């Protein structure tokens, strides 16, 4: 290969190494998304359960007031 092509390939390789270095912090954040998603799902389930419990409590209080 000619020297110009080899130099071009070195420049591209260097640029790719820089891009990889820039993406490393993003990779760490993206790897954590499934854990965050699971936590949000659990919290949503707990909130629904609490709403149901409060509604049941409110109905019980109303029934006791009418008796």
PDB file of N, CA and C in Angstrom:
ATOM      1  N   UNK A   1       0.838  -1.183   0.000  1.00  0.00           N
ATOM      2  CA  UNK A   1       0.000   0.000   0.000  1.00  0.00           C
ATOM      3  C   UNK A   1       0.881   1.243   0.000  1.00  0.00           C
ATOM      4  N   UNK A   2       0.312   2.254  -0.476  1.00  0.00           N
ATOM      5  CA  UNK A   2       1.088   3.496  -0.522  1.00  0.00           C
ATOM      6  C   UNK A   2       1.117   4.147   0.859  1.00  0.00           C
ATOM      7  N   UNK A   3       2.081   5.016   1.047  1.00  0.00           N
ATOM      8  CA  UNK A   3       2.234   5.705   2.335  1.00  0.00           C
ATOM      9  C   UNK A   3       1.019   6.564   2.662  1.00  0.00           C
ATOM     10  N   UNK A   4       0.399   7.140   1.647  1.00  0.00           N
ATOM     11  CA  UNK A   4      -0.768   8.003   1.870  1.00  0.00           C
ATOM     12  C   UNK A   4      -1.936   7.179   2.430  1.00  0.00           C
ATOM     13  N   UNK A   5      -2.121   5.998   1.886  1.00  0.00           N
ATOM     14  CA  UNK A   5      -3.215   5.136   2.362  1.00  0.00           C
ATOM     15  C   UNK A   5      -2.934   4.677   3.779  1.00  0.00           C
ATOM     16  N   UNK A   6      -1.704   4.292   4.055  1.00  0.00           N
ATOM     17  CA  UNK A   6      -1.346   3.868   5.409  1.00  0.00           C
ATOM     18  C   UNK A   6      -1.544   4.997   6.418  1.00  0.00           C
ATOM     19  N   UNK A   7      -1.164   6.197   6.034  1.00  0.00           N
ATOM     20  CA  UNK A   7      -1.353   7.349   6.922  1.00  0.00           C
ATOM     21  C   UNK A   7      -2.836   7.613   7.154  1.00  0.00           C
ATOM     22  N   UNK A   8      -3.631   7.498   6.110  1.00  0.00           N
ATOM     23  CA  UNK A   8      -5.079   7.678   6.229  1.00  0.00           C
ATOM     24  C   UNK A   8      -5.666   6.639   7.179  1.00  0.00           C
ATOM     25  N   UNK A   9      -5.231   5.397   7.062  1.00  0.00           N
ATOM     26  CA  UNK A   9      -5.711   4.347   7.955  1.00  0.00           C
ATOM     27  C   UNK A   9      -5.305   4.618   9.405  1.00  0.00           C
ATOM     28  N   UNK A  10      -4.130   5.136   9.632  1.00  0.00           N
ATOM     29  CA  UNK A  10      -3.691   5.487  10.989  1.00  0.00           C
ATOM     30  C   UNK A  10      -4.561   6.605  11.573  1.00  0.00           C
ATOM     31  N   UNK A  11      -4.867   7.587  10.746  1.00  0.00           N
ATOM     32  CA  UNK A  11      -5.718   8.687  11.201  1.00  0.00           C
ATOM     33  C   UNK A  11      -7.104   8.166  11.562  1.00  0.00           C
ATOM     34  N   UNK A  12      -7.653   7.305  10.716  1.00  0.00           N
ATOM     35  CA  UNK A  12      -8.975   6.735  10.991  1.00  0.00           C
ATOM     36  C   UNK A  12      -8.934   5.922  12.278  1.00  0.00           C
ATOM     37  N   UNK A  13      -7.888   5.129  12.454  1.00  0.00           N
ATOM     38  CA  UNK A  13      -7.757   4.319  13.663  1.00  0.00           C
ATOM     39  C   UNK A  13      -7.673   5.210  14.905  1.00  0.00           C
ATOM     40  N   UNK A  14      -6.938   6.283  14.804  1.00  0.00           N
ATOM     41  CA  UNK A  14      -6.814   7.222  15.911  1.00  0.00           C
ATOM     42  C   UNK A  14      -8.163   7.868  16.226  1.00  0.00           C
ATOM     43  N   UNK A  15      -8.883   8.261  15.184  1.00  0.00           N
ATOM     44  CA  UNK A  15     -10.207   8.862  15.382  1.00  0.00           C
ATOM     45  C   UNK A  15     -11.159   7.879  16.041  1.00  0.00           C
ATOM     46  N   UNK A  16     -11.124   6.628  15.619  1.00  0.00           N
ATOM     47  CA  UNK A  16     -11.989   5.610  16.214  1.00  0.00           C
ATOM     48  C   UNK A  16     -11.660   5.381  17.687  1.00  0.00           C
ATOM     49  N   UNK A  17     -10.382   5.408  18.010  1.00  0.00           N
ATOM     50  CA  UNK A  17      -9.981   5.255  19.410  1.00  0.00           C
ATOM     51  C   UNK A  17     -10.538   6.410  20.248  1.00  0.00           C
ATOM     52  N   UNK A  18     -10.524   7.615  19.689  1.00  0.00           N
ATOM     53  CA  UNK A  18     -11.095   8.766  20.382  1.00  0.00           C
ATOM     54  C   UNK A  18     -12.590   8.640  20.575  1.00  0.00           C
ATOM     55  N   UNK A  19     -13.275   8.163  19.562  1.00  0.00           N
ATOM     56  CA  UNK A  19     -14.724   7.970  19.658  1.00  0.00           C
ATOM     57  C   UNK A  19     -15.041   6.916  20.716  1.00  0.00           C
ATOM     58  N   UNK A  20     -14.287   5.825  20.714  1.00  0.00           N
ATOM     59  CA  UNK A  20     -14.504   4.777  21.724  1.00  0.00           C
ATOM     60  C   UNK A  20     -14.307   5.329  23.133  1.00  0.00           C
ATOM     61  N   UNK A  21     -13.293   6.137  23.310  1.00  0.00           N
ATOM     62  CA  UNK A  21     -13.039   6.739  24.623  1.00  0.00           C
ATOM     63  C   UNK A  21     -14.188   7.662  25.030  1.00  0.00           C
ATOM     64  N   UNK A  22     -14.728   8.403  24.075  1.00  0.00           N
ATOM     65  CA  UNK A  22     -15.851   9.298  24.357  1.00  0.00           C
ATOM     66  C   UNK A  22     -17.117   8.514  24.708  1.00  0.00           C
ATOM     67  N   UNK A  23     -17.279   7.332  24.141  1.00  0.00           N
ATOM     68  CA  UNK A  23     -18.496   6.549  24.356  1.00  0.00           C
ATOM     69  C   UNK A  23     -18.471   5.733  25.648  1.00  0.00           C
ATOM     70  N   UNK A  24     -17.308   5.520  26.228  1.00  0.00           N
ATOM     71  CA  UNK A  24     -17.218   4.697  27.444  1.00  0.00           C
ATOM     72  C   UNK A  24     -18.122   5.190  28.573  1.00  0.00           C
ATOM     73  N   UNK A  25     -18.130   6.491  28.899  1.00  0.00           N
ATOM     74  CA  UNK A  25     -19.030   6.941  29.974  1.00  0.00           C
ATOM     75  C   UNK A  25     -20.507   6.713  29.636  1.00  0.00           C
ATOM     76  N   UNK A  26     -20.858   6.887  28.371  1.00  0.00           N
ATOM     77  CA  UNK A  26     -22.249   6.646  27.969  1.00  0.00           C
ATOM     78  C   UNK A  26     -22.604   5.178  28.131  1.00  0.00           C
ATOM     79  N   UNK A  27     -21.674   4.306  27.840  1.00  0.00           N
ATOM     80  CA  UNK A  27     -21.907   2.871  27.963  1.00  0.00           C
ATOM     81  C   UNK A  27     -22.243   2.515  29.405  1.00  0.00           C
ATOM     82  N   UNK A  28     -21.530   3.110  30.342  1.00  0.00           N
ATOM     83  CA  UNK A  28     -21.796   2.845  31.756  1.00  0.00           C
ATOM     84  C   UNK A  28     -23.208   3.283  32.129  1.00  0.00           C
ATOM     85  N   UNK A  29     -23.635   4.419  31.608  1.00  0.00           N
ATOM     86  CA  UNK A  29     -24.988   4.895  31.900  1.00  0.00           C
ATOM     87  C   UNK A  29     -26.034   3.995  31.256  1.00  0.00           C
ATOM     88  N   UNK A  30     -25.804   3.567  30.025  1.00  0.00           N
ATOM     89  CA  UNK A  30     -26.761   2.721  29.331  1.00  0.00           C
ATOM     90  C   UNK A  30     -26.867   1.346  29.975  1.00  0.00           C
ATOM     91  N   UNK A  31     -25.760   0.846  30.499  1.00  0.00           N
ATOM     92  CA  UNK A  31     -25.798  -0.446  31.162  1.00  0.00           C
ATOM     93  C   UNK A  31     -26.684  -0.422  32.402  1.00  0.00           C
ATOM     94  N   UNK A  32     -26.832   0.744  33.015  1.00  0.00           N
ATOM     95  CA  UNK A  32     -27.661   0.862  34.207  1.00  0.00           C
ATOM     96  C   UNK A  32     -29.140   1.024  33.917  1.00  0.00           C
ATOM     97  N   UNK A  33     -29.528   1.278  32.683  1.00  0.00           N
ATOM     98  CA  UNK A  33     -30.943   1.521  32.364  1.00  0.00           C
ATOM     99  C   UNK A  33     -31.861   0.349  32.692  1.00  0.00           C
ATOM    100  N   UNK A  34     -31.489  -0.902  32.410  1.00  0.00           N
ATOM    101  CA  UNK A  34     -32.394  -1.992  32.782  1.00  0.00           C
ATOM    102  C   UNK A  34     -32.674  -2.052  34.287  1.00  0.00           C
ATOM    103  N   UNK A  35     -31.675  -1.751  35.097  1.00  0.00           N
ATOM    104  CA  UNK A  35     -31.882  -1.743  36.542  1.00  0.00           C
ATOM    105  C   UNK A  35     -32.824  -0.618  36.946  1.00  0.00           C
ATOM    106  N   UNK A  36     -32.650   0.537  36.334  1.00  0.00           N
ATOM    107  CA  UNK A  36     -33.532   1.668  36.621  1.00  0.00           C
ATOM    108  C   UNK A  36     -34.952   1.337  36.180  1.00  0.00           C
ATOM    109  N   UNK A  37     -35.096   0.734  35.001  1.00  0.00           N
ATOM    110  CA  UNK A  37     -36.413   0.363  34.490  1.00  0.00           C
ATOM    111  C   UNK A  37     -37.099  -0.607  35.437  1.00  0.00           C
ATOM    112  N   UNK A  38     -36.362  -1.597  35.943  1.00  0.00           N
ATOM    113  CA  UNK A  38     -36.936  -2.581  36.869  1.00  0.00           C
ATOM    114  C   UNK A  38     -37.380  -1.899  38.162  1.00  0.00           C
ATOM    115  N   UNK A  39     -36.563  -0.978  38.650  1.00  0.00           N
ATOM    116  CA  UNK A  39     -36.907  -0.255  39.878  1.00  0.00           C
ATOM    117  C   UNK A  39     -38.174   0.569  39.687  1.00  0.00           C
ATOM    118  N   UNK A  40     -38.283   1.242  38.555  1.00  0.00           N
ATOM    119  CA  UNK A  40     -39.477   2.048  38.263  1.00  0.00           C
ATOM    120  C   UNK A  40     -40.712   1.140  38.188  1.00  0.00           C
ATOM    121  N   UNK A  41     -40.575  -0.013  37.581  1.00  0.00           N
ATOM    122  CA  UNK A  41     -41.694  -0.953  37.476  1.00  0.00           C
ATOM    123  C   UNK A  41     -42.152  -1.409  38.859  1.00  0.00           C
ATOM    124  N   UNK A  42     -41.212  -1.723  39.716  1.00  0.00           N
ATOM    125  CA  UNK A  42     -41.551  -2.157  41.079  1.00  0.00           C
ATOM    126  C   UNK A  42     -42.246  -1.029  41.832  1.00  0.00           C
ATOM    127  N   UNK A  43     -41.735   0.186  41.703  1.00  0.00           N
ATOM    128  CA  UNK A  43     -42.369   1.324  42.384  1.00  0.00           C
ATOM    129  C   UNK A  43     -43.784   1.536  41.868  1.00  0.00           C
ATOM    130  N   UNK A  44     -43.996   1.406  40.556  1.00  0.00           N
ATOM    131  CA  UNK A  44     -45.344   1.554  39.994  1.00  0.00           C
ATOM    132  C   UNK A  44     -46.280   0.505  40.571  1.00  0.00           C
ATOM    133  N   UNK A  45     -45.812  -0.726  40.702  1.00  0.00           N
ATOM    134  CA  UNK A  45     -46.634  -1.788  41.275  1.00  0.00           C
ATOM    135  C   UNK A  45     -46.979  -1.491  42.728  1.00  0.00           C
ATOM    136  N   UNK A  46     -46.004  -0.994  43.476  1.00  0.00           N
ATOM    137  CA  UNK A  46     -46.243  -0.671  44.877  1.00  0.00           C
ATOM    138  C   UNK A  46     -47.231   0.484  45.022  1.00  0.00           C
ATOM    139  N   UNK A  47     -47.136   1.469  44.144  1.00  0.00           N
ATOM    140  CA  UNK A  47     -48.073   2.600  44.189  1.00  0.00           C
ATOM    141  C   UNK A  47     -49.493   2.121  43.887  1.00  0.00           C
ATOM    142  N   UNK A  48     -49.630   1.245  42.905  1.00  0.00           N
ATOM    143  CA  UNK A  48     -50.969   0.700  42.610  1.00  0.00           C
ATOM    144  C   UNK A  48     -51.529  -0.061  43.803  1.00  0.00           C
ATOM    145  N   UNK A  49     -50.688  -0.843  44.479  1.00  0.00           N
ATOM    146  CA  UNK A  49     -51.132  -1.597  45.653  1.00  0.00           C
ATOM    147  C   UNK A  49     -51.548  -0.649  46.779  1.00  0.00           C
ATOM    148  N   UNK A  50     -50.784   0.432  46.973  1.00  0.00           N
ATOM    149  CA  UNK A  50     -51.135   1.412  47.999  1.00  0.00           C
ATOM    150  C   UNK A  50     -52.450   2.122  47.677  1.00  0.00           C
ATOM    151  N   UNK A  51     -52.646   2.464  46.409  1.00  0.00           N
ATOM    152  CA  UNK A  51     -53.908   3.103  46.014  1.00  0.00           C
ATOM    153  C   UNK A  51     -55.084   2.181  46.311  1.00  0.00           C
ATOM    154  N   UNK A  52     -54.940   0.921  45.975  1.00  0.00           N
ATOM    155  CA  UNK A  52     -56.014  -0.047  46.240  1.00  0.00           C
ATOM    156  C   UNK A  52     -56.269  -0.165  47.740  1.00  0.00           C
ATOM    157  N   UNK A  53     -55.210  -0.185  48.530  1.00  0.00           N
ATOM    158  CA  UNK A  53     -55.364  -0.290  49.978  1.00  0.00           C
ATOM    159  C   UNK A  53     -56.061   0.946  50.540  1.00  0.00           C
ATOM    160  N   UNK A  54     -55.688   2.132  50.066  1.00  0.00           N
ATOM    161  CA  UNK A  54     -56.341   3.356  50.539  1.00  0.00           C
ATOM    162  C   UNK A  54     -57.813   3.386  50.119  1.00  0.00           C
ATOM    163  N   UNK A  55     -58.102   2.941  48.909  1.00  0.00           N
ATOM    164  CA  UNK A  55     -59.496   2.893  48.466  1.00  0.00           C
ATOM    165  C   UNK A  55     -60.308   1.928  49.318  1.00  0.00           C
ATOM    166  N   UNK A  56     -59.751   0.763  49.624  1.00  0.00           N
ATOM    167  CA  UNK A  56     -60.443  -0.195  50.491  1.00  0.00           C
ATOM    168  C   UNK A  56     -60.670   0.399  51.872  1.00  0.00           C
ATOM    169  N   UNK A  57     -59.669   1.094  52.389  1.00  0.00           N
ATOM    170  CA  UNK A  57     -59.793   1.724  53.696  1.00  0.00           C
ATOM    171  C   UNK A  57     -60.898   2.780  53.677  1.00  0.00           C
ATOM    172  N   UNK A  58     -60.930   3.587  52.624  1.00  0.00           N
ATOM    173  CA  UNK A  58     -61.954   4.635  52.517  1.00  0.00           C
ATOM    174  C   UNK A  58     -63.344   4.021  52.448  1.00  0.00           C
ATOM    175  N   UNK A  59     -63.481   2.938  51.696  1.00  0.00           N
ATOM    176  CA  UNK A  59     -64.796   2.281  51.632  1.00  0.00           C
ATOM    177  C   UNK A  59     -65.195   1.709  52.975  1.00  0.00           C
ATOM    178  N   UNK A  60     -64.262   1.155  53.694  1.00  0.00           N
ATOM    179  CA  UNK A  60     -64.548   0.605  55.016  1.00  0.00           C
ATOM    180  C   UNK A  60     -64.981   1.709  55.968  1.00  0.00           C
ATOM    181  N   UNK A  61     -64.297   2.854  55.916  1.00  0.00           N
ATOM    182  CA  UNK A  61     -64.664   3.975  56.786  1.00  0.00           C
ATOM    183  C   UNK A  61     -66.065   4.452  56.444  1.00  0.00           C
ATOM    184  N   UNK A  62     -66.393   4.549  55.156  1.00  0.00           N
ATOM    185  CA  UNK A  62     -67.747   4.984  54.763  1.00  0.00           C
ATOM    186  C   UNK A  62     -68.813   4.010  55.259  1.00  0.00           C
ATOM    187  N   UNK A  63     -68.522   2.721  55.123  1.00  0.00           N
ATOM    188  CA  UNK A  63     -69.484   1.712  55.578  1.00  0.00           C
ATOM    189  C   UNK A  63     -69.680   1.797  57.094  1.00  0.00           C
ATOM    190  N   UNK A  64     -68.615   2.020  57.822  1.00  0.00           N
ATOM    191  CA  UNK A  64     -68.712   2.134  59.273  1.00  0.00           C
ATOM    192  C   UNK A  64     -69.479   3.398  59.675  1.00  0.00           C
ATOM    193  N   UNK A  65     -69.343   4.470  58.908  1.00  0.00           N
ATOM    194  CA  UNK A  65     -70.055   5.706  59.206  1.00  0.00           C
ATOM    195  C   UNK A  65     -71.553   5.559  58.961  1.00  0.00           C
ATOM    196  N   UNK A  66     -71.927   4.742  57.986  1.00  0.00           N
ATOM    197  CA  UNK A  66     -73.337   4.570  57.640  1.00  0.00           C
ATOM    198  C   UNK A  66     -74.023   3.578  58.567  1.00  0.00           C
ATOM    199  N   UNK A  67     -73.248   2.797  59.292  1.00  0.00           N
ATOM    200  CA  UNK A  67     -73.869   1.816  60.219  1.00  0.00           C
ATOM    201  C   UNK A  67     -74.275   2.423  61.518  1.00  0.00           C
TER     202      UNK A  67
END
